[in-house]
Amino acid sequence: MATLWLGVMLVLASSPSIADDVIGSTEMLCTVAQATRCYDDGDCAAGPPWRWNIPHFIVIDFEQGQLRTTKVSGERGCR
């Protein structure tokens, strides 16, 4: 599971974006367009996030050091 979240973070970090100034922000709302999942044997697969049950929206909470789903999504998850 940790490998999956690492893949999500790499996708988020590698996406070019134009955004507001977020310096001093405590949270950021992100959406995943494509995810790459790598397995222990070294093989990787790319595809839509719902293929691996990744939530549509992820809140990055900088203060708590957490990734979580939105409250209204109905999905439950926190890492």
N, C-alpha and C. Protein backbone atom coordinates (compact mmCIF):
# COMPACT_ATOMS: atom_id res chain seq x y z
N MET A 1 0.82 -1.19 0.00
CA MET A 1 0.00 0.00 0.00
C MET A 1 0.86 1.25 0.00
N ALA A 2 1.99 1.20 0.72
CA ALA A 2 2.89 2.36 0.76
C ALA A 2 3.42 2.67 -0.64
N THR A 3 3.67 1.64 -1.43
CA THR A 3 4.16 1.83 -2.79
C THR A 3 3.13 2.56 -3.63
N LEU A 4 1.86 2.24 -3.43
CA LEU A 4 0.79 2.88 -4.17
C LEU A 4 0.73 4.37 -3.85
N TRP A 5 0.81 4.73 -2.57
CA TRP A 5 0.76 6.15 -2.18
C TRP A 5 2.00 6.89 -2.67
N LEU A 6 3.14 6.21 -2.69
CA LEU A 6 4.34 6.82 -3.22
C LEU A 6 4.15 7.13 -4.70
N GLY A 7 3.53 6.22 -5.41
CA GLY A 7 3.23 6.45 -6.82
C GLY A 7 2.30 7.63 -7.02
N VAL A 8 1.30 7.75 -6.17
CA VAL A 8 0.36 8.88 -6.23
C VAL A 8 1.12 10.18 -6.02
N MET A 9 1.98 10.21 -5.03
CA MET A 9 2.73 11.43 -4.73
C MET A 9 3.68 11.79 -5.88
N LEU A 10 4.28 10.79 -6.51
CA LEU A 10 5.16 11.06 -7.63
C LEU A 10 4.40 11.64 -8.81
N VAL A 11 3.19 11.15 -9.04
CA VAL A 11 2.36 11.69 -10.11
C VAL A 11 2.00 13.14 -9.80
N LEU A 12 1.61 13.39 -8.56
CA LEU A 12 1.26 14.76 -8.17
C LEU A 12 2.45 15.70 -8.30
N ALA A 13 3.61 15.24 -7.90
CA ALA A 13 4.80 16.08 -7.91
C ALA A 13 5.32 16.32 -9.33
N SER A 14 5.07 15.40 -10.24
CA SER A 14 5.62 15.53 -11.58
C SER A 14 4.69 16.24 -12.54
N SER A 15 3.47 16.52 -12.15
CA SER A 15 2.52 17.19 -13.03
C SER A 15 2.81 18.68 -13.10
N PRO A 16 2.97 19.20 -14.31
CA PRO A 16 3.16 20.65 -14.42
C PRO A 16 1.85 21.34 -14.05
N SER A 17 1.95 22.45 -13.34
CA SER A 17 0.72 23.12 -12.94
C SER A 17 0.94 24.62 -12.84
N ILE A 18 -0.15 25.32 -12.97
CA ILE A 18 -0.18 26.75 -12.74
C ILE A 18 -1.19 26.93 -11.61
N ALA A 19 -0.75 27.52 -10.51
CA ALA A 19 -1.63 27.58 -9.35
C ALA A 19 -1.43 28.89 -8.60
N ASP A 20 -2.31 29.10 -7.65
CA ASP A 20 -2.18 30.24 -6.77
C ASP A 20 -0.98 30.05 -5.86
N ASP A 21 -0.59 31.14 -5.24
CA ASP A 21 0.48 31.09 -4.25
C ASP A 21 -0.05 30.34 -3.02
N VAL A 22 0.55 29.22 -2.69
CA VAL A 22 0.07 28.41 -1.57
C VAL A 22 1.01 28.46 -0.37
N ILE A 23 1.94 29.38 -0.39
CA ILE A 23 2.86 29.53 0.75
C ILE A 23 2.04 29.89 1.98
N GLY A 24 2.23 29.16 3.04
CA GLY A 24 1.48 29.38 4.27
C GLY A 24 0.18 28.59 4.34
N SER A 25 -0.17 27.87 3.29
CA SER A 25 -1.39 27.07 3.30
C SER A 25 -1.20 25.86 4.21
N THR A 26 -2.27 25.44 4.85
CA THR A 26 -2.22 24.26 5.71
C THR A 26 -2.73 23.02 5.00
N GLU A 27 -3.55 23.19 3.95
CA GLU A 27 -4.09 22.06 3.20
C GLU A 27 -4.10 22.38 1.71
N MET A 28 -4.09 21.30 0.91
CA MET A 28 -4.20 21.44 -0.53
C MET A 28 -5.12 20.33 -1.03
N LEU A 29 -6.04 20.67 -1.91
CA LEU A 29 -6.95 19.69 -2.50
C LEU A 29 -6.42 19.31 -3.87
N CYS A 30 -6.22 18.03 -4.10
CA CYS A 30 -5.66 17.54 -5.36
C CYS A 30 -6.58 16.49 -5.97
N THR A 31 -6.50 16.35 -7.27
CA THR A 31 -7.18 15.27 -7.97
C THR A 31 -6.14 14.50 -8.76
N VAL A 32 -6.35 13.23 -8.93
CA VAL A 32 -5.41 12.37 -9.63
C VAL A 32 -5.98 12.03 -10.99
N ALA A 33 -5.22 12.32 -12.04
CA ALA A 33 -5.67 12.02 -13.40
C ALA A 33 -5.15 10.67 -13.88
N GLN A 34 -3.95 10.31 -13.46
CA GLN A 34 -3.37 9.02 -13.82
C GLN A 34 -2.47 8.57 -12.69
N ALA A 35 -2.44 7.28 -12.46
CA ALA A 35 -1.61 6.73 -11.40
C ALA A 35 -0.73 5.62 -11.97
N THR A 36 0.42 5.45 -11.34
CA THR A 36 1.32 4.36 -11.68
C THR A 36 1.52 3.52 -10.43
N ARG A 37 1.27 2.23 -10.57
CA ARG A 37 1.44 1.32 -9.44
C ARG A 37 2.60 0.39 -9.74
N CYS A 38 3.55 0.35 -8.82
CA CYS A 38 4.71 -0.52 -8.97
C CYS A 38 4.63 -1.64 -7.94
N TYR A 39 4.96 -2.83 -8.36
CA TYR A 39 4.87 -4.01 -7.51
C TYR A 39 6.25 -4.38 -6.98
N ASP A 40 6.28 -5.27 -5.99
CA ASP A 40 7.53 -5.69 -5.36
C ASP A 40 8.51 -6.31 -6.35
N ASP A 41 8.00 -6.94 -7.41
CA ASP A 41 8.89 -7.59 -8.38
C ASP A 41 9.48 -6.62 -9.39
N GLY A 42 9.13 -5.32 -9.29
CA GLY A 42 9.69 -4.31 -10.18
C GLY A 42 8.80 -3.93 -11.34
N ASP A 43 7.75 -4.71 -11.60
CA ASP A 43 6.83 -4.37 -12.67
C ASP A 43 5.96 -3.19 -12.25
N CYS A 44 5.60 -2.34 -13.22
CA CYS A 44 4.73 -1.20 -12.95
C CYS A 44 3.61 -1.18 -13.97
N ALA A 45 2.48 -0.63 -13.57
CA ALA A 45 1.34 -0.47 -14.46
C ALA A 45 0.77 0.92 -14.28
N ALA A 46 0.39 1.57 -15.38
CA ALA A 46 -0.21 2.90 -15.32
C ALA A 46 -1.66 2.81 -15.75
N GLY A 47 -2.48 3.67 -15.18
CA GLY A 47 -3.88 3.68 -15.55
C GLY A 47 -4.65 4.69 -14.73
N PRO A 48 -5.98 4.69 -14.90
CA PRO A 48 -6.80 5.62 -14.14
C PRO A 48 -6.80 5.27 -12.64
N PRO A 49 -6.92 6.26 -11.79
CA PRO A 49 -6.82 6.01 -10.35
C PRO A 49 -7.89 5.05 -9.81
N TRP A 50 -9.06 5.04 -10.39
CA TRP A 50 -10.13 4.17 -9.87
C TRP A 50 -9.80 2.69 -10.09
N ARG A 51 -8.87 2.39 -10.96
CA ARG A 51 -8.47 0.99 -11.17
C ARG A 51 -7.90 0.39 -9.88
N TRP A 52 -7.24 1.23 -9.06
CA TRP A 52 -6.64 0.77 -7.82
C TRP A 52 -7.32 1.38 -6.59
N ASN A 53 -8.55 1.79 -6.77
CA ASN A 53 -9.35 2.32 -5.67
C ASN A 53 -8.71 3.55 -5.00
N ILE A 54 -8.14 4.42 -5.82
CA ILE A 54 -7.59 5.69 -5.34
C ILE A 54 -8.73 6.70 -5.38
N PRO A 55 -8.94 7.46 -4.32
CA PRO A 55 -10.03 8.44 -4.29
C PRO A 55 -9.88 9.49 -5.39
N HIS A 56 -11.01 10.05 -5.80
CA HIS A 56 -11.00 11.09 -6.84
C HIS A 56 -10.32 12.36 -6.35
N PHE A 57 -10.54 12.72 -5.09
CA PHE A 57 -9.92 13.90 -4.52
C PHE A 57 -9.14 13.50 -3.27
N ILE A 58 -7.97 14.10 -3.12
CA ILE A 58 -7.11 13.84 -1.97
C ILE A 58 -6.76 15.18 -1.33
N VAL A 59 -6.92 15.27 -0.03
CA VAL A 59 -6.52 16.45 0.71
C VAL A 59 -5.14 16.18 1.29
N ILE A 60 -4.20 17.08 0.99
CA ILE A 60 -2.87 17.00 1.59
C ILE A 60 -2.87 17.97 2.76
N ASP A 61 -2.75 17.44 3.96
CA ASP A 61 -2.75 18.25 5.18
C ASP A 61 -1.30 18.39 5.63
N PHE A 62 -0.75 19.59 5.43
CA PHE A 62 0.66 19.82 5.75
C PHE A 62 0.90 19.85 7.27
N GLU A 63 -0.05 20.36 8.03
CA GLU A 63 0.12 20.44 9.48
C GLU A 63 0.11 19.07 10.14
N GLN A 64 -0.81 18.20 9.71
CA GLN A 64 -0.93 16.87 10.29
C GLN A 64 -0.03 15.84 9.60
N GLY A 65 0.53 16.20 8.45
CA GLY A 65 1.36 15.25 7.70
C GLY A 65 0.55 14.08 7.18
N GLN A 66 -0.67 14.38 6.67
CA GLN A 66 -1.58 13.32 6.24
C GLN A 66 -2.07 13.54 4.81
N LEU A 67 -2.42 12.42 4.18
CA LEU A 67 -3.20 12.41 2.96
C LEU A 67 -4.55 11.84 3.36
N ARG A 68 -5.65 12.50 2.95
CA ARG A 68 -6.96 11.97 3.31
C ARG A 68 -7.98 12.31 2.23
N THR A 69 -9.10 11.64 2.29
CA THR A 69 -10.19 11.93 1.37
C THR A 69 -11.00 13.10 1.91
N THR A 70 -11.84 13.67 1.06
CA THR A 70 -12.70 14.76 1.50
C THR A 70 -13.84 14.20 2.33
N LYS A 71 -14.38 15.00 3.24
CA LYS A 71 -15.46 14.53 4.12
C LYS A 71 -16.71 14.20 3.33
N VAL A 72 -17.03 14.97 2.28
CA VAL A 72 -18.28 14.76 1.54
C VAL A 72 -18.17 13.66 0.49
N SER A 73 -16.99 13.10 0.28
CA SER A 73 -16.82 12.10 -0.76
C SER A 73 -17.48 10.76 -0.42
N GLY A 74 -17.66 10.51 0.86
CA GLY A 74 -18.20 9.23 1.27
C GLY A 74 -17.13 8.16 1.33
N GLU A 75 -15.94 8.46 0.78
CA GLU A 75 -14.83 7.52 0.84
C GLU A 75 -14.12 7.77 2.16
N ARG A 76 -13.59 6.73 2.73
CA ARG A 76 -12.90 6.88 4.02
C ARG A 76 -11.46 6.48 3.85
N GLY A 77 -10.57 7.35 4.23
CA GLY A 77 -9.17 7.01 4.13
C GLY A 77 -8.29 8.09 4.68
N CYS A 78 -7.23 7.68 5.30
CA CYS A 78 -6.24 8.61 5.86
C CYS A 78 -4.93 7.87 5.93
N ARG A 79 -3.87 8.49 5.49
CA ARG A 79 -2.53 7.89 5.53
C ARG A 79 -1.60 8.81 6.23
